[in-house]
Amino acid sequence: MIDPSVKEQFVELRAQGMSFASISGKLNVSKATLIGWSKDAKEDIGNMRQIHLEGLREKYRMGAERRMELFAKQLDAVEGEIGKRDLATVSTERLFDILTKLCREFNADAPVTFQRKSASMELDPDVLCSVTEWQA
């Protein structure tokens, strides 16, 4: 009789993508037995695989905020290196090209949005207020 914890280990290892041969050696169970277990636990392996993949996605998630942090770090490094360089050897044409690109990037930022609170006349103005937005 096989210990149920061995089957649980099999499901976890298989969900992580480990081969039958590797699992067989690790758990000391024949490949034929593992293949049979695989058919019986197909749904559990699939669900466990999704949980495993979700964990990996979360670990290496590159959301907008994270991308901005990485971009800002690289930008700081590049700006620091450029600050060390002498631009005297750069041609006038190339300097104007760089200037044009920098100005374009500077103006490409998202618009600045301001908010203004307007007090409600019916209740305490500090409690209820509507917000008006406009862009500069």
Protein backbone atom coordinates (compact mmCIF):
# COMPACT_ATOMS: atom_id res chain seq x y z
CA MET A 1 0.00 0.00 0.00
CA ILE A 2 1.36 3.40 -1.00
CA ASP A 3 1.40 6.21 1.55
CA PRO A 4 -1.07 8.97 0.50
CA SER A 5 1.60 11.60 1.14
CA VAL A 6 3.67 10.03 -1.68
CA LYS A 7 0.77 10.59 -4.08
CA GLU A 8 0.51 14.20 -2.86
CA GLN A 9 4.22 14.68 -3.48
CA PHE A 10 3.75 13.21 -6.96
CA VAL A 11 0.96 15.68 -7.76
CA GLU A 12 3.09 18.62 -6.57
CA LEU A 13 6.19 17.49 -8.48
CA ARG A 14 4.24 16.76 -11.65
CA ALA A 15 2.50 20.14 -11.40
CA GLN A 16 5.94 21.76 -11.26
CA GLY A 17 6.73 20.11 -14.59
CA MET A 18 9.02 17.35 -13.36
CA SER A 19 9.28 14.30 -15.65
CA PHE A 20 7.95 10.86 -14.74
CA ALA A 21 11.53 9.51 -14.78
CA SER A 22 12.75 12.15 -12.31
CA ILE A 23 9.75 11.66 -10.02
CA SER A 24 10.20 7.89 -10.21
CA GLY A 25 13.77 8.19 -8.97
CA LYS A 26 12.89 10.70 -6.28
CA LEU A 27 9.85 8.86 -4.87
CA ASN A 28 11.06 5.33 -5.64
CA VAL A 29 7.83 4.51 -7.51
CA SER A 30 7.71 2.93 -10.97
CA LYS A 31 6.98 5.09 -14.00
CA ALA A 32 4.02 2.86 -14.89
CA THR A 33 2.47 3.53 -11.48
CA LEU A 34 3.10 7.25 -11.83
CA ILE A 35 1.43 7.32 -15.25
CA GLY A 36 -1.62 5.64 -13.74
CA TRP A 37 -1.67 8.16 -10.90
CA SER A 38 -1.34 10.91 -13.44
CA LYS A 39 -4.53 9.81 -15.19
CA ASP A 40 -6.40 9.61 -11.88
CA ALA A 41 -5.11 12.98 -10.64
CA LYS A 42 -5.20 14.87 -13.94
CA GLU A 43 -7.50 17.58 -12.58
CA ASP A 44 -5.52 18.01 -9.34
CA ILE A 45 -2.24 18.24 -11.27
CA GLY A 46 -3.76 20.84 -13.61
CA ASN A 47 -5.07 22.92 -10.71
CA MET A 48 -1.79 22.67 -8.83
CA ARG A 49 0.05 23.64 -12.03
CA GLN A 50 -2.09 26.78 -12.31
CA ILE A 51 -1.34 27.68 -8.69
CA HIS A 52 2.38 27.16 -9.34
CA LEU A 53 2.27 29.33 -12.48
CA GLU A 54 0.32 32.05 -10.68
CA GLY A 55 3.04 32.13 -8.02
CA LEU A 56 5.70 32.53 -10.69
CA ARG A 57 3.73 35.27 -12.44
CA GLU A 58 3.33 37.10 -9.14
CA LYS A 59 7.03 36.73 -8.33
CA TYR A 60 8.13 38.12 -11.69
CA ARG A 61 5.20 40.42 -12.36
CA MET A 62 6.09 43.44 -14.40
CA GLY A 63 3.24 45.75 -13.66
CA ALA A 64 3.27 49.37 -14.77
CA GLU A 65 4.62 50.61 -11.46
CA ARG A 66 7.46 48.06 -11.43
CA ARG A 67 8.38 48.90 -15.04
CA MET A 68 8.47 52.58 -14.15
CA GLU A 69 10.76 51.88 -11.18
CA LEU A 70 13.15 49.89 -13.38
CA PHE A 71 13.01 52.54 -16.10
CA ALA A 72 13.73 55.30 -13.57
CA LYS A 73 16.75 53.40 -12.23
CA GLN A 74 18.15 52.93 -15.71
CA LEU A 75 17.43 56.53 -16.60
CA ASP A 76 19.34 57.70 -13.51
CA ALA A 77 22.29 55.50 -14.48
CA VAL A 78 22.31 56.79 -18.07
CA GLU A 79 21.99 60.41 -16.93
CA GLY A 80 24.87 59.91 -14.50
CA GLU A 81 27.06 58.48 -17.25
CA ILE A 82 26.11 61.24 -19.70
CA GLY A 83 26.96 63.80 -17.01
CA LYS A 84 30.51 62.42 -16.95
CA ARG A 85 30.94 62.70 -20.72
CA ASP A 86 32.30 65.64 -22.66
CA LEU A 87 29.91 66.65 -25.45
CA ALA A 88 32.53 68.86 -27.12
CA THR A 89 33.29 66.12 -29.66
CA VAL A 90 29.64 65.70 -30.67
CA SER A 91 28.79 67.43 -33.95
CA THR A 92 26.48 70.43 -33.93
CA GLU A 93 23.98 68.55 -36.09
CA ARG A 94 23.94 65.63 -33.63
CA LEU A 95 23.56 68.02 -30.66
CA PHE A 96 20.51 69.62 -32.29
CA ASP A 97 19.10 66.15 -32.97
CA ILE A 98 19.58 65.20 -29.32
CA LEU A 99 18.07 68.49 -28.19
CA THR A 100 15.01 67.97 -30.40
CA LYS A 101 14.46 64.45 -29.06
CA LEU A 102 14.87 65.57 -25.47
CA CYS A 103 12.39 68.42 -25.94
CA ARG A 104 9.90 66.03 -27.54
CA GLU A 105 10.24 63.62 -24.61
CA PHE A 106 9.92 66.44 -22.11
CA ASN A 107 6.65 67.57 -23.70
CA ALA A 108 5.31 64.01 -24.02
CA ASP A 109 4.40 63.73 -20.35
CA ALA A 110 0.83 63.15 -19.29
CA PRO A 111 -1.13 66.36 -18.81
CA VAL A 112 -1.17 67.87 -15.34
CA THR A 113 -4.64 67.54 -13.81
CA PHE A 114 -5.81 69.80 -11.02
CA GLN A 115 -8.79 69.32 -8.75
CA ARG A 116 -10.93 71.86 -6.97
CA LYS A 117 -13.40 71.10 -4.25
CA SER A 118 -16.68 72.96 -4.35
CA ALA A 119 -18.65 72.93 -1.13
CA SER A 120 -22.15 71.50 -0.95
CA MET A 121 -24.66 74.06 0.27
CA GLU A 122 -26.92 71.55 2.00
CA LEU A 123 -24.51 69.90 4.44
CA ASP A 124 -21.20 70.58 6.16
CA PRO A 125 -18.79 71.66 3.39
CA ASP A 126 -15.92 69.71 4.96
CA VAL A 127 -17.91 66.47 4.79
CA LEU A 128 -19.47 66.58 1.32
CA CYS A 129 -18.00 68.26 -1.69
CA SER A 130 -17.89 67.71 -5.41
CA VAL A 131 -14.61 67.65 -7.30
CA THR A 132 -14.02 69.53 -10.52
CA GLU A 133 -11.06 68.54 -12.70
CA TRP A 134 -9.32 70.44 -15.46
CA GLN A 135 -6.05 70.07 -17.31
CA ALA A 136 -3.30 72.62 -17.59
